[in-house]
Amino acid sequence: MAMIIDKATGLGLNHQISERQKALSKIHEKMGTGKQVNRAQDNASGLAVAKLLEAMSRGYKADSINIGDAMSAMNIGEGATQGISDMLNRMRELSVQAANDTLTDSDRGALNGEFQQLKQEIDRQTKSTQFNTQDLISGQGPLSDGTGKFQVGPNAGGPNQIDVAKSDLRPEALGIMNMDISTRAGAESAMDGINKANEAVISTRVNFGVQYNRLEYTHNNNENMNINTTAALQLIEDLDFAKASMDKARDDILNQSAVLAQRNFQDISRNSMLALLGQH
């Protein structure tokens, strides 16, 4: 009976040592990765939530890039509208001059030459003002034809997107394509037409500014969500090193105690066996 008890005691000590070593192995893994959840068996529900939060956080980071790109595009577009507005103002100035009958046909021809050059430059700029090779003020492509969307949220669908306003400042869209100030009648007609064209350009510039401001608020909200989502993720994942160190110290002591107890048990068992053999 004593030998049965001794065997059971030995198995119990071996089990304790095995459990302590498993616990130490887990603590070493957590301290090595800095995370308290490394696999599902550590915390199944916690891991599921952590992976969802991680996906959201990465989505917010991608959104920040998207929003930054969109804001850059709006800045480029607004800068271009300023230049076009300046050219239209110069064209109107030339029209006012050309409407004066103190000028000769030759004088009006010189004014009209500059007028036509400015019109051509407006056409060129509307077709060359781009962000990432996409037109911004030509009415062509998703960033200027009114069909584009900025992806500013971590998920699909309307609440995660902002519509891009239409921006078409080509001479034909502004109604200045066929203007000519080589005659007094043409110059008078150009004055009214350029006023309307300038209103369209100013409206487009306002749209760029409004969208930029909206994107700025969107960026601030996105950063706030990312910061707090990351904080929630860290609460689940990040290891409390102070507690882990205490747990490690405790398990080290328990493991050493179990090993020492096993060693003492082996010595006692050996001595008991020798004593039994000496009685025979």
C-alpha atoms as a PDB file:
ATOM      1  CA  MET A   1       0.000   0.000   0.000  1.00  0.00           C
ATOM      2  CA  ALA A   2       2.886   2.391   0.817  1.00  0.00           C
ATOM      3  CA  MET A   3       4.356   1.785  -2.648  1.00  0.00           C
ATOM      4  CA  ILE A   4       0.955   2.648  -4.268  1.00  0.00           C
ATOM      5  CA  ILE A   5       0.782   5.899  -2.290  1.00  0.00           C
ATOM      6  CA  ASP A   6       4.364   6.693  -3.248  1.00  0.00           C
ATOM      7  CA  LYS A   7       3.602   6.139  -6.937  1.00  0.00           C
ATOM      8  CA  ALA A   8       0.506   8.347  -6.791  1.00  0.00           C
ATOM      9  CA  THR A   9       2.507  11.057  -5.037  1.00  0.00           C
ATOM     10  CA  GLY A  10       5.190  10.880  -7.712  1.00  0.00           C
ATOM     11  CA  LEU A  11       2.615  11.176 -10.511  1.00  0.00           C
ATOM     12  CA  GLY A  12       1.046  14.163  -8.737  1.00  0.00           C
ATOM     13  CA  LEU A  13       4.428  15.886  -8.475  1.00  0.00           C
ATOM     14  CA  ASN A  14       5.144  15.215 -12.166  1.00  0.00           C
ATOM     15  CA  HIS A  15       1.759  16.731 -13.081  1.00  0.00           C
ATOM     16  CA  GLN A  16       2.453  19.835 -10.992  1.00  0.00           C
ATOM     17  CA  ILE A  17       5.826  20.336 -12.666  1.00  0.00           C
ATOM     18  CA  SER A  18       4.246  19.901 -16.114  1.00  0.00           C
ATOM     19  CA  GLU A  19       1.520  22.438 -15.343  1.00  0.00           C
ATOM     20  CA  ARG A  20       4.010  24.975 -13.954  1.00  0.00           C
ATOM     21  CA  GLN A  21       6.204  24.614 -17.024  1.00  0.00           C
ATOM     22  CA  LYS A  22       3.208  25.134 -19.331  1.00  0.00           C
ATOM     23  CA  ALA A  23       2.264  28.261 -17.395  1.00  0.00           C
ATOM     24  CA  LEU A  24       5.843  29.553 -17.609  1.00  0.00           C
ATOM     25  CA  SER A  25       5.942  28.815 -21.332  1.00  0.00           C
ATOM     26  CA  LYS A  26       2.776  30.879 -21.880  1.00  0.00           C
ATOM     27  CA  ILE A  27       4.163  33.763 -19.817  1.00  0.00           C
ATOM     28  CA  HIS A  28       7.445  33.680 -21.752  1.00  0.00           C
ATOM     29  CA  GLU A  29       5.502  33.752 -25.040  1.00  0.00           C
ATOM     30  CA  LYS A  30       3.389  36.709 -23.901  1.00  0.00           C
ATOM     31  CA  MET A  31       6.409  38.625 -22.650  1.00  0.00           C
ATOM     32  CA  GLY A  32       8.216  37.885 -25.912  1.00  0.00           C
ATOM     33  CA  THR A  33       5.356  39.232 -28.087  1.00  0.00           C
ATOM     34  CA  GLY A  34       4.148  41.915 -25.698  1.00  0.00           C
ATOM     35  CA  LYS A  35       0.590  40.619 -26.155  1.00  0.00           C
ATOM     36  CA  GLN A  36      -1.632  38.855 -23.687  1.00  0.00           C
ATOM     37  CA  VAL A  37      -3.695  37.289 -26.488  1.00  0.00           C
ATOM     38  CA  ASN A  38      -1.554  35.400 -29.006  1.00  0.00           C
ATOM     39  CA  ARG A  39      -3.913  32.578 -29.918  1.00  0.00           C
ATOM     40  CA  ALA A  40      -7.572  31.662 -29.512  1.00  0.00           C
ATOM     41  CA  GLN A  41      -6.913  29.450 -26.489  1.00  0.00           C
ATOM     42  CA  ASP A  42      -5.587  32.469 -24.581  1.00  0.00           C
ATOM     43  CA  ASN A  43      -8.908  34.307 -24.881  1.00  0.00           C
ATOM     44  CA  ALA A  44     -11.219  33.163 -27.681  1.00  0.00           C
ATOM     45  CA  SER A  45     -13.793  35.980 -27.406  1.00  0.00           C
ATOM     46  CA  GLY A  46     -11.060  38.553 -26.796  1.00  0.00           C
ATOM     47  CA  LEU A  47      -9.197  37.443 -29.925  1.00  0.00           C
ATOM     48  CA  ALA A  48     -12.364  37.743 -32.045  1.00  0.00           C
ATOM     49  CA  VAL A  49     -12.998  41.281 -30.806  1.00  0.00           C
ATOM     50  CA  ALA A  50      -9.319  42.199 -31.199  1.00  0.00           C
ATOM     51  CA  LYS A  51      -9.235  41.071 -34.832  1.00  0.00           C
ATOM     52  CA  LEU A  52     -12.370  43.089 -35.592  1.00  0.00           C
ATOM     53  CA  LEU A  53     -10.903  46.176 -33.917  1.00  0.00           C
ATOM     54  CA  GLU A  54      -7.614  45.657 -35.752  1.00  0.00           C
ATOM     55  CA  ALA A  55      -9.440  45.551 -39.093  1.00  0.00           C
ATOM     56  CA  MET A  56     -11.298  48.748 -38.195  1.00  0.00           C
ATOM     57  CA  SER A  57      -8.087  50.474 -37.121  1.00  0.00           C
ATOM     58  CA  ARG A  58      -6.312  49.542 -40.330  1.00  0.00           C
ATOM     59  CA  GLY A  59      -9.327  50.799 -42.251  1.00  0.00           C
ATOM     60  CA  TYR A  60      -9.147  54.158 -40.457  1.00  0.00           C
ATOM     61  CA  LYS A  61      -5.449  54.429 -41.337  1.00  0.00           C
ATOM     62  CA  ALA A  62      -6.251  53.794 -45.001  1.00  0.00           C
ATOM     63  CA  ASP A  63      -9.028  56.383 -44.767  1.00  0.00           C
ATOM     64  CA  SER A  64      -6.516  58.974 -43.547  1.00  0.00           C
ATOM     65  CA  ILE A  65      -4.500  58.413 -46.725  1.00  0.00           C
ATOM     66  CA  ASN A  66      -7.650  58.645 -48.863  1.00  0.00           C
ATOM     67  CA  ILE A  67      -8.776  61.844 -47.170  1.00  0.00           C
ATOM     68  CA  GLY A  68      -5.320  63.380 -47.499  1.00  0.00           C
ATOM     69  CA  ASP A  69      -5.306  62.587 -51.228  1.00  0.00           C
ATOM     70  CA  ALA A  70      -8.777  64.074 -51.630  1.00  0.00           C
ATOM     71  CA  MET A  71      -7.741  67.254 -49.825  1.00  0.00           C
ATOM     72  CA  SER A  72      -4.696  67.571 -52.070  1.00  0.00           C
ATOM     73  CA  ALA A  73      -6.914  67.203 -55.139  1.00  0.00           C
ATOM     74  CA  MET A  74      -9.246  69.921 -53.857  1.00  0.00           C
ATOM     75  CA  ASN A  75      -6.280  72.241 -53.273  1.00  0.00           C
ATOM     76  CA  ILE A  76      -5.046  71.720 -56.823  1.00  0.00           C
ATOM     77  CA  GLY A  77      -8.514  72.343 -58.225  1.00  0.00           C
ATOM     78  CA  GLU A  78      -9.013  75.535 -56.238  1.00  0.00           C
ATOM     79  CA  GLY A  79      -5.627  76.872 -57.304  1.00  0.00           C
ATOM     80  CA  ALA A  80      -6.545  76.284 -60.936  1.00  0.00           C
ATOM     81  CA  THR A  81      -9.861  78.136 -60.572  1.00  0.00           C
ATOM     82  CA  GLN A  82      -8.012  81.166 -59.248  1.00  0.00           C
ATOM     83  CA  GLY A  83      -5.817  81.235 -62.340  1.00  0.00           C
ATOM     84  CA  ILE A  84      -8.791  80.852 -64.675  1.00  0.00           C
ATOM     85  CA  SER A  85     -10.676  83.615 -62.880  1.00  0.00           C
ATOM     86  CA  ASP A  86      -7.678  85.921 -63.290  1.00  0.00           C
ATOM     87  CA  MET A  87      -7.558  85.157 -67.034  1.00  0.00           C
ATOM     88  CA  LEU A  88     -11.275  85.827 -67.407  1.00  0.00           C
ATOM     89  CA  ASN A  89     -10.862  89.162 -65.664  1.00  0.00           C
ATOM     90  CA  ARG A  90      -8.120  90.070 -68.123  1.00  0.00           C
ATOM     91  CA  MET A  91     -10.318  88.967 -71.018  1.00  0.00           C
ATOM     92  CA  ARG A  92     -13.133  91.206 -69.782  1.00  0.00           C
ATOM     93  CA  GLU A  93     -10.692  94.080 -69.475  1.00  0.00           C
ATOM     94  CA  LEU A  94      -9.670  93.541 -73.092  1.00  0.00           C
ATOM     95  CA  SER A  95     -13.345  93.416 -74.103  1.00  0.00           C
ATOM     96  CA  VAL A  96     -14.044  96.751 -72.444  1.00  0.00           C
ATOM     97  CA  GLN A  97     -11.129  98.280 -74.297  1.00  0.00           C
ATOM     98  CA  ALA A  98     -12.207  96.755 -77.616  1.00  0.00           C
ATOM     99  CA  ALA A  99     -15.736  98.153 -77.237  1.00  0.00           C
ATOM    100  CA  ASN A 100     -14.386 101.702 -77.509  1.00  0.00           C
ATOM    101  CA  ASP A 101     -14.755 103.174 -80.984  1.00  0.00           C
ATOM    102  CA  THR A 102     -11.624 105.245 -80.557  1.00  0.00           C
ATOM    103  CA  LEU A 103      -9.795 102.044 -81.537  1.00  0.00           C
ATOM    104  CA  THR A 104      -9.066 101.052 -85.090  1.00  0.00           C
ATOM    105  CA  ASP A 105      -9.667  97.585 -86.522  1.00  0.00           C
ATOM    106  CA  SER A 106      -5.928  97.026 -86.186  1.00  0.00           C
ATOM    107  CA  ASP A 107      -6.078  97.955 -82.491  1.00  0.00           C
ATOM    108  CA  ARG A 108      -8.987  95.602 -81.897  1.00  0.00           C
ATOM    109  CA  GLY A 109      -7.130  92.890 -83.777  1.00  0.00           C
ATOM    110  CA  ALA A 110      -4.183  93.181 -81.380  1.00  0.00           C
ATOM    111  CA  LEU A 111      -6.499  93.026 -78.364  1.00  0.00           C
ATOM    112  CA  ASN A 112      -8.314  90.065 -79.859  1.00  0.00           C
ATOM    113  CA  GLY A 113      -5.012  88.259 -80.345  1.00  0.00           C
ATOM    114  CA  GLU A 114      -4.323  88.364 -76.617  1.00  0.00           C
ATOM    115  CA  PHE A 115      -7.969  87.500 -75.926  1.00  0.00           C
ATOM    116  CA  GLN A 116      -7.768  84.342 -78.025  1.00  0.00           C
ATOM    117  CA  GLN A 117      -4.477  83.298 -76.432  1.00  0.00           C
ATOM    118  CA  LEU A 118      -6.024  83.545 -72.964  1.00  0.00           C
ATOM    119  CA  LYS A 119      -9.010  81.505 -74.108  1.00  0.00           C
ATOM    120  CA  GLN A 120      -6.691  78.817 -75.433  1.00  0.00           C
ATOM    121  CA  GLU A 121      -4.770  78.809 -72.150  1.00  0.00           C
ATOM    122  CA  ILE A 122      -7.981  78.296 -70.205  1.00  0.00           C
ATOM    123  CA  ASP A 123      -8.753  75.340 -72.468  1.00  0.00           C
ATOM    124  CA  ARG A 124      -5.253  73.936 -71.959  1.00  0.00           C
ATOM    125  CA  GLN A 125      -5.369  74.295 -68.187  1.00  0.00           C
ATOM    126  CA  THR A 126      -8.767  72.652 -67.840  1.00  0.00           C
ATOM    127  CA  LYS A 127      -7.402  69.606 -69.679  1.00  0.00           C
ATOM    128  CA  SER A 128      -4.081  69.463 -67.831  1.00  0.00           C
ATOM    129  CA  THR A 129      -5.102  70.226 -64.240  1.00  0.00           C
ATOM    130  CA  GLN A 130      -4.972  66.757 -62.719  1.00  0.00           C
ATOM    131  CA  PHE A 131      -4.434  64.708 -59.583  1.00  0.00           C
ATOM    132  CA  ASN A 132      -2.896  61.293 -60.136  1.00  0.00           C
ATOM    133  CA  THR A 133      -3.459  61.645 -63.908  1.00  0.00           C
ATOM    134  CA  GLN A 134      -7.198  62.355 -63.425  1.00  0.00           C
ATOM    135  CA  ASP A 135      -8.770  65.610 -64.597  1.00  0.00           C
ATOM    136  CA  LEU A 136     -10.127  67.964 -61.954  1.00  0.00           C
ATOM    137  CA  ILE A 137     -11.861  70.755 -63.922  1.00  0.00           C
ATOM    138  CA  SER A 138     -12.523  69.380 -67.411  1.00  0.00           C
ATOM    139  CA  GLY A 139     -15.822  67.646 -66.657  1.00  0.00           C
ATOM    140  CA  GLN A 140     -14.166  64.403 -67.731  1.00  0.00           C
ATOM    141  CA  GLY A 141     -13.489  61.495 -65.368  1.00  0.00           C
ATOM    142  CA  PRO A 142     -14.731  60.725 -61.841  1.00  0.00           C
ATOM    143  CA  LEU A 143     -12.977  63.672 -60.173  1.00  0.00           C
ATOM    144  CA  SER A 144     -14.764  66.252 -62.314  1.00  0.00           C
ATOM    145  CA  ASP A 145     -17.836  64.747 -64.000  1.00  0.00           C
ATOM    146  CA  GLY A 146     -19.946  64.479 -60.828  1.00  0.00           C
ATOM    147  CA  THR A 147     -19.853  60.673 -60.561  1.00  0.00           C
ATOM    148  CA  GLY A 148     -16.794  60.299 -58.306  1.00  0.00           C
ATOM    149  CA  LYS A 149     -16.734  59.396 -54.633  1.00  0.00           C
ATOM    150  CA  PHE A 150     -14.118  59.793 -51.913  1.00  0.00           C
ATOM    151  CA  GLN A 151     -13.846  56.684 -49.697  1.00  0.00           C
ATOM    152  CA  VAL A 152     -13.543  58.202 -46.205  1.00  0.00           C
ATOM    153  CA  GLY A 153     -14.848  55.398 -43.962  1.00  0.00           C
ATOM    154  CA  PRO A 154     -13.677  51.865 -43.126  1.00  0.00           C
ATOM    155  CA  ASN A 155     -16.713  50.183 -44.704  1.00  0.00           C
ATOM    156  CA  ALA A 156     -18.593  50.190 -47.999  1.00  0.00           C
ATOM    157  CA  GLY A 157     -21.635  52.278 -48.718  1.00  0.00           C
ATOM    158  CA  GLY A 158     -22.960  55.824 -48.586  1.00  0.00           C
ATOM    159  CA  PRO A 159     -22.080  56.813 -44.995  1.00  0.00           C
ATOM    160  CA  ASN A 160     -18.452  55.961 -45.740  1.00  0.00           C
ATOM    161  CA  GLN A 161     -18.232  58.019 -48.926  1.00  0.00           C
ATOM    162  CA  ILE A 162     -18.374  61.661 -50.017  1.00  0.00           C
ATOM    163  CA  ASP A 163     -19.629  62.638 -53.472  1.00  0.00           C
ATOM    164  CA  VAL A 164     -17.249  64.648 -55.653  1.00  0.00           C
ATOM    165  CA  ALA A 165     -18.853  67.797 -57.112  1.00  0.00           C
ATOM    166  CA  LYS A 166     -18.885  68.324 -60.865  1.00  0.00           C
ATOM    167  CA  SER A 167     -16.269  70.788 -62.142  1.00  0.00           C
ATOM    168  CA  ASP A 168     -16.297  71.683 -65.843  1.00  0.00           C
ATOM    169  CA  LEU A 169     -14.474  74.901 -66.721  1.00  0.00           C
ATOM    170  CA  ARG A 170     -13.713  74.245 -70.390  1.00  0.00           C
ATOM    171  CA  PRO A 171     -14.339  77.249 -72.660  1.00  0.00           C
ATOM    172  CA  GLU A 172     -17.332  75.488 -74.256  1.00  0.00           C
ATOM    173  CA  ALA A 173     -18.839  74.838 -70.807  1.00  0.00           C
ATOM    174  CA  LEU A 174     -18.251  78.451 -69.771  1.00  0.00           C
ATOM    175  CA  GLY A 175     -19.794  79.756 -72.987  1.00  0.00           C
ATOM    176  CA  ILE A 176     -16.687  81.626 -74.136  1.00  0.00           C
ATOM    177  CA  MET A 177     -15.538  79.243 -76.870  1.00  0.00           C
ATOM    178  CA  ASN A 178     -16.725  81.335 -79.834  1.00  0.00           C
ATOM    179  CA  MET A 179     -16.076  84.777 -78.395  1.00  0.00           C
ATOM    180  CA  ASP A 180     -14.263  87.288 -80.565  1.00  0.00           C
ATOM    181  CA  ILE A 181     -13.581  90.948 -79.759  1.00  0.00           C
ATOM    182  CA  SER A 182     -12.313  92.083 -83.147  1.00  0.00           C
ATOM    183  CA  THR A 183     -15.519  94.123 -83.508  1.00  0.00           C
ATOM    184  CA  ARG A 184     -17.400  96.457 -81.142  1.00  0.00           C
ATOM    185  CA  ALA A 185     -20.451  94.151 -81.163  1.00  0.00           C
ATOM    186  CA  GLY A 186     -18.295  91.148 -80.363  1.00  0.00           C
ATOM    187  CA  ALA A 187     -16.586  92.997 -77.520  1.00  0.00           C
ATOM    188  CA  GLU A 188     -19.926  94.099 -76.003  1.00  0.00           C
ATOM    189  CA  SER A 189     -21.268  90.566 -76.181  1.00  0.00           C
ATOM    190  CA  ALA A 190     -18.092  89.205 -74.603  1.00  0.00           C
ATOM    191  CA  MET A 191     -18.456  91.444 -71.538  1.00  0.00           C
ATOM    192  CA  ASP A 192     -21.769  89.904 -70.470  1.00  0.00           C
ATOM    193  CA  GLY A 193     -20.655  86.387 -71.389  1.00  0.00           C
ATOM    194  CA  ILE A 194     -17.457  86.650 -69.372  1.00  0.00           C
ATOM    195  CA  ASN A 195     -19.415  87.876 -66.340  1.00  0.00           C
ATOM    196  CA  LYS A 196     -21.487  84.680 -66.448  1.00  0.00           C
ATOM    197  CA  ALA A 197     -18.371  82.561 -67.024  1.00  0.00           C
ATOM    198  CA  ASN A 198     -16.689  84.134 -64.020  1.00  0.00           C
ATOM    199  CA  GLU A 199     -19.721  83.361 -61.869  1.00  0.00           C
ATOM    200  CA  ALA A 200     -19.418  79.693 -62.873  1.00  0.00           C
ATOM    201  CA  VAL A 201     -15.703  79.666 -62.046  1.00  0.00           C
ATOM    202  CA  ILE A 202     -16.291  81.317 -58.650  1.00  0.00           C
ATOM    203  CA  SER A 203     -19.038  78.774 -57.908  1.00  0.00           C
ATOM    204  CA  THR A 204     -16.651  75.939 -58.749  1.00  0.00           C
ATOM    205  CA  ARG A 205     -13.959  77.477 -56.565  1.00  0.00           C
ATOM    206  CA  VAL A 206     -16.433  77.697 -53.685  1.00  0.00           C
ATOM    207  CA  ASN A 207     -17.277  74.008 -54.180  1.00  0.00           C
ATOM    208  CA  PHE A 208     -13.599  73.091 -53.921  1.00  0.00           C
ATOM    209  CA  GLY A 209     -13.293  75.096 -50.700  1.00  0.00           C
ATOM    210  CA  VAL A 210     -16.451  73.621 -49.204  1.00  0.00           C
ATOM    211  CA  GLN A 211     -15.357  70.084 -50.014  1.00  0.00           C
ATOM    212  CA  TYR A 212     -11.899  70.745 -48.581  1.00  0.00           C
ATOM    213  CA  ASN A 213     -13.398  72.021 -45.314  1.00  0.00           C
ATOM    214  CA  ARG A 214     -15.705  69.014 -45.114  1.00  0.00           C
ATOM    215  CA  LEU A 215     -12.785  66.657 -45.681  1.00  0.00           C
ATOM    216  CA  GLU A 216     -10.849  68.408 -42.928  1.00  0.00           C
ATOM    217  CA  TYR A 217     -13.661  67.721 -40.437  1.00  0.00           C
ATOM    218  CA  THR A 218     -13.897  64.175 -41.773  1.00  0.00           C
ATOM    219  CA  HIS A 219     -10.168  63.721 -41.192  1.00  0.00           C
ATOM    220  CA  ASN A 220     -10.461  64.939 -37.588  1.00  0.00           C
ATOM    221  CA  ASN A 221     -13.334  62.562 -36.880  1.00  0.00           C
ATOM    222  CA  ASN A 222     -11.485  59.682 -38.545  1.00  0.00           C
ATOM    223  CA  GLU A 223      -8.400  60.321 -36.393  1.00  0.00           C
ATOM    224  CA  ASN A 224     -10.557  60.389 -33.256  1.00  0.00           C
ATOM    225  CA  MET A 225     -12.139  57.031 -34.152  1.00  0.00           C
ATOM    226  CA  ASN A 226      -8.772  55.507 -34.976  1.00  0.00           C
ATOM    227  CA  ILE A 227      -7.192  56.669 -31.703  1.00  0.00           C
ATOM    228  CA  ASN A 228      -9.995  55.271 -29.567  1.00  0.00           C
ATOM    229  CA  THR A 229     -10.316  52.048 -31.561  1.00  0.00           C
ATOM    230  CA  THR A 230      -6.564  51.489 -31.177  1.00  0.00           C
ATOM    231  CA  ALA A 231      -6.867  52.181 -27.446  1.00  0.00           C
ATOM    232  CA  ALA A 232      -9.623  49.559 -27.146  1.00  0.00           C
ATOM    233  CA  LEU A 233      -7.492  47.093 -29.104  1.00  0.00           C
ATOM    234  CA  GLN A 234      -4.526  47.701 -26.815  1.00  0.00           C
ATOM    235  CA  LEU A 235      -6.655  47.025 -23.731  1.00  0.00           C
ATOM    236  CA  ILE A 236      -7.426  43.579 -25.104  1.00  0.00           C
ATOM    237  CA  GLU A 237      -4.073  42.713 -26.666  1.00  0.00           C
ATOM    238  CA  ASP A 238      -1.298  44.502 -24.817  1.00  0.00           C
ATOM    239  CA  LEU A 239       0.384  42.684 -21.967  1.00  0.00           C
ATOM    240  CA  ASP A 240       0.547  44.147 -18.468  1.00  0.00           C
ATOM    241  CA  PHE A 241       4.259  43.564 -17.913  1.00  0.00           C
ATOM    242  CA  ALA A 242       4.071  44.290 -14.173  1.00  0.00           C
ATOM    243  CA  LYS A 243       1.428  41.605 -13.672  1.00  0.00           C
ATOM    244  CA  ALA A 244       3.216  39.230 -16.071  1.00  0.00           C
ATOM    245  CA  SER A 245       6.448  39.647 -14.114  1.00  0.00           C
ATOM    246  CA  MET A 246       4.636  38.850 -10.869  1.00  0.00           C
ATOM    247  CA  ASP A 247       2.999  35.807 -12.464  1.00  0.00           C
ATOM    248  CA  LYS A 248       6.367  34.651 -13.767  1.00  0.00           C
ATOM    249  CA  ALA A 249       7.994  35.041 -10.352  1.00  0.00           C
ATOM    250  CA  ARG A 250       5.144  33.093  -8.720  1.00  0.00           C
ATOM    251  CA  ASP A 251       5.291  30.283 -11.276  1.00  0.00           C
ATOM    252  CA  ASP A 252       9.091  30.154 -11.016  1.00  0.00           C
ATOM    253  CA  ILE A 253       8.797  29.637  -7.255  1.00  0.00           C
ATOM    254  CA  LEU A 254       6.045  27.034  -7.607  1.00  0.00           C
ATOM    255  CA  ASN A 255       7.999  25.201 -10.308  1.00  0.00           C
ATOM    256  CA  GLN A 256      11.172  25.174  -8.223  1.00  0.00           C
ATOM    257  CA  SER A 257       9.194  23.934  -5.215  1.00  0.00           C
ATOM    258  CA  ALA A 258       7.646  21.144  -7.269  1.00  0.00           C
ATOM    259  CA  VAL A 259      11.051  20.119  -8.665  1.00  0.00           C
ATOM    260  CA  LEU A 260      12.556  20.139  -5.167  1.00  0.00           C
ATOM    261  CA  ALA A 261       9.636  18.117  -3.810  1.00  0.00           C
ATOM    262  CA  GLN A 262      10.060  15.597  -6.627  1.00  0.00           C
ATOM    263  CA  ARG A 263      13.777  15.334  -5.886  1.00  0.00           C
ATOM    264  CA  ASN A 264      13.066  14.785  -2.177  1.00  0.00           C
ATOM    265  CA  PHE A 265      10.411  12.237  -3.052  1.00  0.00           C
ATOM    266  CA  GLN A 266      12.859  10.349  -5.281  1.00  0.00           C
ATOM    267  CA  ASP A 267      15.461  10.325  -2.487  1.00  0.00           C
ATOM    268  CA  ILE A 268      12.907   9.086   0.016  1.00  0.00           C
ATOM    269  CA  SER A 269      11.655   6.431  -2.382  1.00  0.00           C
ATOM    270  CA  ARG A 270      15.198   5.239  -3.067  1.00  0.00           C
ATOM    271  CA  ASN A 271      16.007   5.085   0.631  1.00  0.00           C
ATOM    272  CA  SER A 272      12.754   3.267   1.343  1.00  0.00           C
ATOM    273  CA  MET A 273      13.526   0.734  -1.352  1.00  0.00           C
ATOM    274  CA  LEU A 274      17.025   0.174   0.000  1.00  0.00           C
ATOM    275  CA  ALA A 275      15.591  -0.276   3.498  1.00  0.00           C
ATOM    276  CA  LEU A 276      13.114  -2.826   2.256  1.00  0.00           C
ATOM    277  CA  LEU A 277      15.841  -4.720   0.448  1.00  0.00           C
ATOM    278  CA  GLY A 278      18.004  -4.658   3.599  1.00  0.00           C
ATOM    279  CA  GLN A 279      15.266  -6.366   5.623  1.00  0.00           C
ATOM    280  CA  HIS A 280      15.377  -9.432   3.436  1.00  0.00           C
END
